[in-house]
Amino acid sequence: MCVASSTFGPVDLFVAGAGFDVAGAVLLASGLTTSTERAAGRLIQSRNSFARFDVRTAEDYADGWLGRSSLIVGFAIQAVAYAWSAHGVPALSGSRSTYLWLAVFGAGAIALVYGVAKFLRPRIRNKWLVEFARIDDYGYRHPDPSGRELMESGQVLGFRAYLAESSDIAAYARRVFNVETVRDSSQDHLTRPANFQPNAALDDPRGYVVKNPRQWWQLRP
């Protein structure tokens, strides 16, 4: 005989963890399901430039970061549920309300992930694009991002410029990417160090190669 349990238990955590896992997997795979219409639209908006690839990479990074975080949370919740269930799991009743509550936990976890993703995705994407625009064609990282690159990326994303912003890229970058200052990439050769050699030999003492500092959590080669 099944004993009806009206209290919160490990089964609820199992279902909630599965909801986080499902949402995380969908986010990770979202870059693989781009429709032909969307791809063609991006091509038109980018005016056949490489900006669409930069935007796609930034979106994939944001989806990957959010999807990975969701999977980690889901696995952690299920690990807690496994530990909890080791002390015994009360039997579930066969009533509709029991399964309804389980569905609520699963759907609630999915809705929470998508709500957080909707808020954080454009911010993570834009942060990636701004950082990428700081690196010039020779791999040198400038303090300010390239205004031209930010405008091209913004247009791919559908942020059309006002007439005044056509001649004031800084105003466009400030409105779309919340960046105060931008640089003119045509003057990059004047701001790079005089001894900058991106393809210098390893044993060339005059070579100058910029290396971004590796974060503590990144794997060493």
Protein backbone atom coordinates (compact mmCIF):
# COMPACT_ATOMS: atom_id res chain seq x y z
CA MET A 1 0.00 0.00 0.00
CA CYS A 2 1.38 3.41 -1.02
CA VAL A 3 1.67 6.11 1.59
CA ALA A 4 0.75 9.56 0.35
CA SER A 5 3.45 12.11 1.08
CA SER A 6 2.53 15.78 1.12
CA THR A 7 5.94 16.98 2.28
CA PHE A 8 8.86 18.14 0.15
CA GLY A 9 11.19 15.23 -0.58
CA PRO A 10 14.12 14.03 -2.69
CA VAL A 11 11.85 13.11 -5.60
CA ASP A 12 10.97 16.78 -5.98
CA LEU A 13 14.67 17.60 -6.11
CA PHE A 14 15.24 14.92 -8.72
CA VAL A 15 12.60 16.46 -10.97
CA ALA A 16 13.83 20.02 -10.40
CA GLY A 17 17.40 18.96 -11.18
CA ALA A 18 16.21 17.29 -14.37
CA GLY A 19 14.51 20.57 -15.33
CA PHE A 20 17.80 22.44 -14.95
CA ASP A 21 19.55 19.78 -17.02
CA VAL A 22 16.99 19.97 -19.83
CA ALA A 23 17.16 23.76 -19.98
CA GLY A 24 20.97 23.67 -19.94
CA ALA A 25 21.11 21.13 -22.77
CA VAL A 26 18.74 23.22 -24.89
CA LEU A 27 20.86 26.33 -24.34
CA LEU A 28 24.03 24.49 -25.30
CA ALA A 29 22.42 23.19 -28.50
CA SER A 30 20.73 26.45 -29.50
CA GLY A 31 23.63 27.45 -31.75
CA LEU A 32 23.20 24.23 -33.73
CA THR A 33 19.58 24.92 -34.65
CA THR A 34 19.90 28.24 -36.51
CA SER A 35 17.33 28.43 -39.29
CA THR A 36 18.27 29.32 -42.87
CA GLU A 37 16.06 32.42 -42.69
CA ARG A 38 17.91 33.70 -39.63
CA ALA A 39 21.29 32.98 -41.19
CA ALA A 40 20.29 34.82 -44.38
CA GLY A 41 18.98 37.75 -42.35
CA ARG A 42 22.27 37.99 -40.49
CA LEU A 43 24.13 37.99 -43.81
CA ILE A 44 22.04 40.91 -45.06
CA GLN A 45 22.35 42.87 -41.82
CA SER A 46 26.12 42.39 -41.77
CA ARG A 47 26.38 43.65 -45.36
CA ASN A 48 28.43 40.59 -46.24
CA SER A 49 31.09 41.33 -43.61
CA PHE A 50 32.65 39.02 -41.03
CA ALA A 51 30.74 40.73 -38.21
CA ARG A 52 28.05 38.05 -38.33
CA PHE A 53 30.62 35.42 -37.32
CA ASP A 54 31.75 37.54 -34.38
CA VAL A 55 28.15 37.93 -33.21
CA ARG A 56 27.48 34.22 -33.65
CA THR A 57 30.54 33.37 -31.57
CA ALA A 58 29.49 35.81 -28.85
CA GLU A 59 25.99 34.29 -28.75
CA ASP A 60 27.42 30.78 -28.62
CA TYR A 61 29.67 31.85 -25.74
CA ALA A 62 26.71 33.28 -23.82
CA ASP A 63 24.58 30.19 -24.46
CA GLY A 64 27.47 27.91 -23.54
CA TRP A 65 28.17 29.79 -20.30
CA LEU A 66 24.52 29.76 -19.27
CA GLY A 67 23.92 26.18 -20.38
CA ARG A 68 26.98 24.92 -18.52
CA SER A 69 25.92 26.76 -15.38
CA SER A 70 22.42 25.29 -15.62
CA LEU A 71 23.80 21.76 -16.02
CA ILE A 72 26.09 22.21 -13.02
CA VAL A 73 23.19 23.41 -10.88
CA GLY A 74 21.04 20.51 -12.09
CA PHE A 75 23.67 17.89 -11.33
CA ALA A 76 24.33 19.44 -7.92
CA ILE A 77 20.63 19.35 -7.04
CA GLN A 78 20.37 15.72 -8.12
CA ALA A 79 23.47 14.87 -6.07
CA VAL A 80 21.76 16.33 -3.01
CA ALA A 81 18.66 14.29 -3.86
CA TYR A 82 20.74 11.10 -4.12
CA ALA A 83 22.31 11.76 -0.72
CA TRP A 84 18.91 12.51 0.76
CA SER A 85 17.32 9.39 -0.73
CA ALA A 86 20.00 7.21 0.88
CA HIS A 87 18.10 7.65 4.14
CA GLY A 88 14.90 6.37 2.58
CA VAL A 89 12.30 7.83 0.23
CA PRO A 90 8.62 7.91 1.16
CA ALA A 91 6.40 6.24 -1.38
CA LEU A 92 4.41 8.52 -3.66
CA SER A 93 0.69 8.29 -3.89
CA GLY A 94 -0.92 7.78 -7.26
CA SER A 95 -3.05 10.90 -7.00
CA ARG A 96 -3.03 13.50 -9.75
CA SER A 97 -2.00 16.24 -7.35
CA THR A 98 1.26 14.43 -6.57
CA TYR A 99 2.31 14.24 -10.21
CA LEU A 100 1.05 17.78 -10.77
CA TRP A 101 3.42 19.08 -8.12
CA LEU A 102 6.29 17.15 -9.68
CA ALA A 103 5.49 18.74 -13.04
CA VAL A 104 5.43 22.15 -11.36
CA PHE A 105 8.92 21.60 -9.94
CA GLY A 106 10.29 20.52 -13.31
CA ALA A 107 8.58 23.29 -15.29
CA GLY A 108 9.50 25.85 -12.64
CA ALA A 109 13.19 24.97 -12.95
CA ILE A 110 13.04 25.31 -16.73
CA ALA A 111 11.19 28.63 -16.48
CA LEU A 112 13.73 29.93 -13.97
CA VAL A 113 16.65 29.09 -16.25
CA TYR A 114 15.02 30.75 -19.25
CA GLY A 115 14.15 33.82 -17.21
CA VAL A 116 17.74 34.18 -16.03
CA ALA A 117 19.05 33.47 -19.54
CA LYS A 118 16.80 36.13 -21.07
CA PHE A 119 18.23 38.69 -18.65
CA LEU A 120 21.91 37.66 -18.75
CA ARG A 121 22.34 36.49 -22.36
CA PRO A 122 22.50 39.94 -24.02
CA ARG A 123 24.79 41.23 -21.28
CA ILE A 124 27.23 38.33 -21.61
CA ARG A 125 27.09 38.58 -25.42
CA ASN A 126 27.76 42.32 -25.43
CA LYS A 127 30.59 41.99 -22.92
CA TRP A 128 32.24 39.42 -25.19
CA LEU A 129 31.85 41.65 -28.25
CA VAL A 130 33.30 44.68 -26.45
CA GLU A 131 36.30 42.68 -25.26
CA PHE A 132 36.81 41.19 -28.73
CA ALA A 133 36.70 44.68 -30.27
CA ARG A 134 39.63 45.68 -28.07
CA ILE A 135 41.90 43.21 -29.90
CA ASP A 136 43.13 44.42 -33.28
CA ASP A 137 43.96 42.40 -36.38
CA TYR A 138 47.49 41.74 -35.09
CA GLY A 139 46.41 40.41 -31.71
CA TYR A 140 47.25 43.50 -29.70
CA ARG A 141 44.74 44.40 -26.97
CA HIS A 142 43.92 48.10 -26.79
CA PRO A 143 42.35 49.82 -23.76
CA ASP A 144 39.33 50.90 -25.84
CA PRO A 145 37.24 48.81 -28.25
CA SER A 146 37.04 49.57 -31.95
CA GLY A 147 34.02 51.76 -32.65
CA ARG A 148 33.70 50.44 -36.20
CA GLU A 149 33.60 46.82 -35.04
CA LEU A 150 30.99 47.58 -32.39
CA MET A 151 28.77 49.33 -34.92
CA GLU A 152 29.05 46.41 -37.34
CA SER A 153 28.18 43.95 -34.57
CA GLY A 154 25.29 46.09 -33.39
CA GLN A 155 23.83 46.25 -36.88
CA VAL A 156 23.98 42.45 -37.15
CA LEU A 157 22.03 42.30 -33.88
CA GLY A 158 19.38 44.60 -35.35
CA PHE A 159 20.32 47.86 -33.59
CA ARG A 160 20.04 50.37 -36.39
CA ALA A 161 21.88 53.65 -36.04
CA TYR A 162 20.23 57.07 -35.93
CA LEU A 163 21.28 59.65 -38.50
CA ALA A 164 23.40 61.51 -35.96
CA GLU A 165 25.14 58.27 -34.93
CA SER A 166 26.30 57.61 -38.49
CA SER A 167 28.98 60.23 -37.96
CA ASP A 168 29.28 59.71 -34.19
CA ILE A 169 30.19 56.07 -33.60
CA ALA A 170 30.95 56.76 -29.95
CA ALA A 171 27.32 57.75 -29.38
CA TYR A 172 26.14 54.51 -31.03
CA ALA A 173 28.51 52.39 -28.90
CA ARG A 174 27.36 54.21 -25.79
CA ARG A 175 23.68 53.56 -26.55
CA VAL A 176 23.96 49.94 -27.69
CA PHE A 177 26.93 48.57 -25.74
CA ASN A 178 27.13 51.01 -22.82
CA VAL A 179 30.73 51.90 -23.72
CA GLU A 180 31.96 55.39 -22.93
CA THR A 181 35.01 55.59 -25.20
CA VAL A 182 35.98 53.86 -28.45
CA ARG A 183 39.04 53.96 -30.66
CA ASP A 184 39.60 54.56 -34.35
CA SER A 185 40.99 51.25 -35.59
CA SER A 186 42.59 52.93 -38.61
CA GLN A 187 45.08 54.46 -36.16
CA ASP A 188 46.01 51.18 -34.48
CA HIS A 189 49.51 51.22 -35.98
CA LEU A 190 50.19 54.42 -34.05
CA THR A 191 49.09 53.08 -30.67
CA ARG A 192 50.81 49.69 -30.77
CA PRO A 193 54.28 49.51 -29.20
CA ALA A 194 57.10 50.25 -31.64
CA ASN A 195 58.67 46.82 -31.12
CA PHE A 196 55.42 44.91 -31.56
CA GLN A 197 56.03 41.75 -33.64
CA PRO A 198 53.12 39.31 -33.52
CA ASN A 199 54.99 36.62 -35.47
CA ALA A 200 58.42 36.98 -33.87
CA ALA A 201 60.53 33.89 -33.30
CA LEU A 202 60.48 32.46 -29.79
CA ASP A 203 64.18 33.19 -29.31
CA ASP A 204 64.03 36.73 -30.74
CA PRO A 205 64.81 39.08 -27.82
CA ARG A 206 63.30 41.99 -29.75
CA GLY A 207 60.01 40.21 -30.27
CA TYR A 208 56.95 41.52 -28.49
CA VAL A 209 53.95 39.28 -28.09
CA VAL A 210 50.85 40.22 -26.11
CA LYS A 211 49.42 37.49 -23.93
CA ASN A 212 46.20 37.94 -22.04
CA PRO A 213 46.56 36.72 -18.44
CA ARG A 214 45.09 33.27 -17.89
CA GLN A 215 42.37 33.09 -15.31
CA TRP A 216 42.82 30.82 -12.30
CA TRP A 217 40.03 28.52 -13.40
CA GLN A 218 41.31 27.98 -16.96
CA LEU A 219 43.24 24.82 -17.78
CA ARG A 220 46.95 25.07 -18.41
CA PRO A 221 48.25 23.85 -21.78
